[in-house]
Amino acid sequence: MSSAPRPFRITIPEADLADLAERLDRIRWPDELPGAELRAGRPSPSGVPTAVANFPGDNVIQVLAGLSNVVTRWREYDRGGHFPALQAPEELTSDIREFFRSLPDTL
């Protein structure tokens, strides 16, 4: 069995494309939040202690977490996935509780 990609063609009616274009033109995007401007392509630092629970399949979180957060806790899990509240609720709940217990009362 060959795993090489095979070309295919998809036909979308012109009326559907026109409808999509009209809908996209009507999207109302939210205004930029104060202090959320990009600096050299990165979000402004938040200064907020942040915990990361990295579940299998969510590899992008590692890149995003450190961009504008002060990561004070990082955990890797063997089970779960993109929806850990459904796939690994015990691990997620335990991790959230441990993180908040570790924060100083002055926050």
C-alpha atoms as a PDB file:
ATOM      1  CA  MET A   1       0.000   0.000   0.000  1.00  0.00           C
ATOM      2  CA  SER A   2       1.433   3.350  -1.026  1.00  0.00           C
ATOM      3  CA  SER A   3       1.396   6.221   1.479  1.00  0.00           C
ATOM      4  CA  ALA A   4       2.168   8.839  -1.150  1.00  0.00           C
ATOM      5  CA  PRO A   5      -0.334  11.695  -1.275  1.00  0.00           C
ATOM      6  CA  ARG A   6      -2.849  11.535  -4.100  1.00  0.00           C
ATOM      7  CA  PRO A   7      -4.180  14.678  -5.772  1.00  0.00           C
ATOM      8  CA  PHE A   8      -7.859  15.426  -5.373  1.00  0.00           C
ATOM      9  CA  ARG A   9     -10.292  18.124  -6.437  1.00  0.00           C
ATOM     10  CA  ILE A  10     -13.030  19.727  -4.389  1.00  0.00           C
ATOM     11  CA  THR A  11     -15.816  21.747  -5.946  1.00  0.00           C
ATOM     12  CA  ILE A  12     -17.447  24.496  -3.905  1.00  0.00           C
ATOM     13  CA  PRO A  13     -20.326  26.387  -5.500  1.00  0.00           C
ATOM     14  CA  GLU A  14     -19.553  30.054  -6.213  1.00  0.00           C
ATOM     15  CA  ALA A  15     -22.631  31.117  -4.224  1.00  0.00           C
ATOM     16  CA  ASP A  16     -21.235  29.395  -1.112  1.00  0.00           C
ATOM     17  CA  LEU A  17     -17.882  31.141  -1.517  1.00  0.00           C
ATOM     18  CA  ALA A  18     -19.631  34.508  -1.958  1.00  0.00           C
ATOM     19  CA  ASP A  19     -21.714  33.847   1.172  1.00  0.00           C
ATOM     20  CA  LEU A  20     -18.573  32.990   3.139  1.00  0.00           C
ATOM     21  CA  ALA A  21     -16.827  36.161   1.939  1.00  0.00           C
ATOM     22  CA  GLU A  22     -19.831  38.271   3.006  1.00  0.00           C
ATOM     23  CA  ARG A  23     -19.904  36.645   6.440  1.00  0.00           C
ATOM     24  CA  LEU A  24     -16.173  37.219   6.926  1.00  0.00           C
ATOM     25  CA  ASP A  25     -16.598  40.870   5.960  1.00  0.00           C
ATOM     26  CA  ARG A  26     -19.226  41.277   8.699  1.00  0.00           C
ATOM     27  CA  ILE A  27     -17.063  39.877  11.516  1.00  0.00           C
ATOM     28  CA  ARG A  28     -16.647  42.358  14.343  1.00  0.00           C
ATOM     29  CA  TRP A  29     -13.201  41.856  15.869  1.00  0.00           C
ATOM     30  CA  PRO A  30     -12.700  42.908  19.514  1.00  0.00           C
ATOM     31  CA  ASP A  31     -10.587  45.941  20.269  1.00  0.00           C
ATOM     32  CA  GLU A  32      -7.059  45.334  21.469  1.00  0.00           C
ATOM     33  CA  LEU A  33      -6.819  45.021  25.253  1.00  0.00           C
ATOM     34  CA  PRO A  34      -4.783  47.765  26.950  1.00  0.00           C
ATOM     35  CA  GLY A  35      -1.238  46.560  27.597  1.00  0.00           C
ATOM     36  CA  ALA A  36      -1.548  43.635  25.190  1.00  0.00           C
ATOM     37  CA  GLU A  37       0.464  45.237  22.408  1.00  0.00           C
ATOM     38  CA  LEU A  38       3.147  43.141  20.774  1.00  0.00           C
ATOM     39  CA  ARG A  39       6.774  43.914  21.406  1.00  0.00           C
ATOM     40  CA  ALA A  40       9.028  42.530  18.691  1.00  0.00           C
ATOM     41  CA  GLY A  41       6.403  39.925  17.846  1.00  0.00           C
ATOM     42  CA  ARG A  42       5.804  38.845  21.445  1.00  0.00           C
ATOM     43  CA  PRO A  43       2.997  39.646  23.872  1.00  0.00           C
ATOM     44  CA  SER A  44       3.795  41.959  26.777  1.00  0.00           C
ATOM     45  CA  PRO A  45       4.961  40.113  29.909  1.00  0.00           C
ATOM     46  CA  SER A  46       2.092  39.477  32.307  1.00  0.00           C
ATOM     47  CA  GLY A  47       4.085  39.190  35.529  1.00  0.00           C
ATOM     48  CA  VAL A  48       1.494  36.702  36.773  1.00  0.00           C
ATOM     49  CA  PRO A  49       2.683  33.356  38.197  1.00  0.00           C
ATOM     50  CA  THR A  50       1.603  30.714  35.712  1.00  0.00           C
ATOM     51  CA  ALA A  51       1.342  26.932  35.880  1.00  0.00           C
ATOM     52  CA  VAL A  52       1.569  24.722  32.806  1.00  0.00           C
ATOM     53  CA  ALA A  53       0.092  21.233  32.716  1.00  0.00           C
ATOM     54  CA  ASN A  54       1.379  19.735  29.478  1.00  0.00           C
ATOM     55  CA  PHE A  55      -0.736  16.798  28.345  1.00  0.00           C
ATOM     56  CA  PRO A  56       0.109  14.512  25.391  1.00  0.00           C
ATOM     57  CA  GLY A  57      -0.674  16.069  22.045  1.00  0.00           C
ATOM     58  CA  ASP A  58      -0.484  19.693  23.191  1.00  0.00           C
ATOM     59  CA  ASN A  59       3.068  20.422  22.105  1.00  0.00           C
ATOM     60  CA  VAL A  60       2.441  24.062  21.213  1.00  0.00           C
ATOM     61  CA  ILE A  61       1.824  25.012  24.863  1.00  0.00           C
ATOM     62  CA  GLN A  62       5.545  24.769  25.565  1.00  0.00           C
ATOM     63  CA  VAL A  63       6.282  27.523  23.057  1.00  0.00           C
ATOM     64  CA  LEU A  64       3.390  29.773  24.054  1.00  0.00           C
ATOM     65  CA  ALA A  65       3.703  29.478  27.822  1.00  0.00           C
ATOM     66  CA  GLY A  66       7.016  31.250  28.128  1.00  0.00           C
ATOM     67  CA  LEU A  67       6.276  34.109  25.751  1.00  0.00           C
ATOM     68  CA  SER A  68       4.486  36.383  28.202  1.00  0.00           C
ATOM     69  CA  ASN A  69       4.119  34.417  31.412  1.00  0.00           C
ATOM     70  CA  VAL A  70       6.230  33.822  34.492  1.00  0.00           C
ATOM     71  CA  VAL A  71       6.081  30.024  34.485  1.00  0.00           C
ATOM     72  CA  THR A  72       6.491  28.921  38.107  1.00  0.00           C
ATOM     73  CA  ARG A  73       5.226  25.369  37.718  1.00  0.00           C
ATOM     74  CA  TRP A  74       5.567  22.940  34.825  1.00  0.00           C
ATOM     75  CA  ARG A  75       4.182  19.410  34.808  1.00  0.00           C
ATOM     76  CA  GLU A  76       4.261  16.801  32.041  1.00  0.00           C
ATOM     77  CA  TYR A  77       1.584  14.118  31.985  1.00  0.00           C
ATOM     78  CA  ASP A  78       1.526  10.721  30.282  1.00  0.00           C
ATOM     79  CA  ARG A  79      -2.235  10.518  29.880  1.00  0.00           C
ATOM     80  CA  GLY A  80      -4.880  12.982  28.858  1.00  0.00           C
ATOM     81  CA  GLY A  81      -4.726  15.139  25.780  1.00  0.00           C
ATOM     82  CA  HIS A  82      -6.207  18.313  24.377  1.00  0.00           C
ATOM     83  CA  PHE A  83      -9.265  17.998  26.637  1.00  0.00           C
ATOM     84  CA  PRO A  84      -7.734  17.008  29.999  1.00  0.00           C
ATOM     85  CA  ALA A  85     -10.879  17.878  31.984  1.00  0.00           C
ATOM     86  CA  LEU A  86     -12.596  15.026  30.127  1.00  0.00           C
ATOM     87  CA  GLN A  87      -9.635  12.724  29.528  1.00  0.00           C
ATOM     88  CA  ALA A  88      -7.681  13.036  32.803  1.00  0.00           C
ATOM     89  CA  PRO A  89      -9.858  14.937  35.295  1.00  0.00           C
ATOM     90  CA  GLU A  90      -8.113  13.623  38.428  1.00  0.00           C
ATOM     91  CA  GLU A  91      -4.668  14.691  37.223  1.00  0.00           C
ATOM     92  CA  LEU A  92      -5.893  18.109  36.085  1.00  0.00           C
ATOM     93  CA  THR A  93      -7.807  18.821  39.295  1.00  0.00           C
ATOM     94  CA  SER A  94      -4.877  17.753  41.451  1.00  0.00           C
ATOM     95  CA  ASP A  95      -2.461  19.914  39.467  1.00  0.00           C
ATOM     96  CA  ILE A  96      -4.681  23.001  39.709  1.00  0.00           C
ATOM     97  CA  ARG A  97      -5.106  22.543  43.475  1.00  0.00           C
ATOM     98  CA  GLU A  98      -1.363  22.066  44.039  1.00  0.00           C
ATOM     99  CA  PHE A  99      -0.557  25.190  42.022  1.00  0.00           C
ATOM    100  CA  PHE A 100      -2.952  27.453  43.913  1.00  0.00           C
ATOM    101  CA  ARG A 101      -1.794  26.066  47.257  1.00  0.00           C
ATOM    102  CA  SER A 102       1.781  26.989  46.306  1.00  0.00           C
ATOM    103  CA  LEU A 103       0.976  30.666  45.725  1.00  0.00           C
ATOM    104  CA  PRO A 104       1.684  33.142  48.513  1.00  0.00           C
ATOM    105  CA  ASP A 105      -1.337  34.580  50.304  1.00  0.00           C
ATOM    106  CA  THR A 106      -0.292  38.087  49.262  1.00  0.00           C
ATOM    107  CA  LEU A 107      -1.334  37.672  45.632  1.00  0.00           C
END
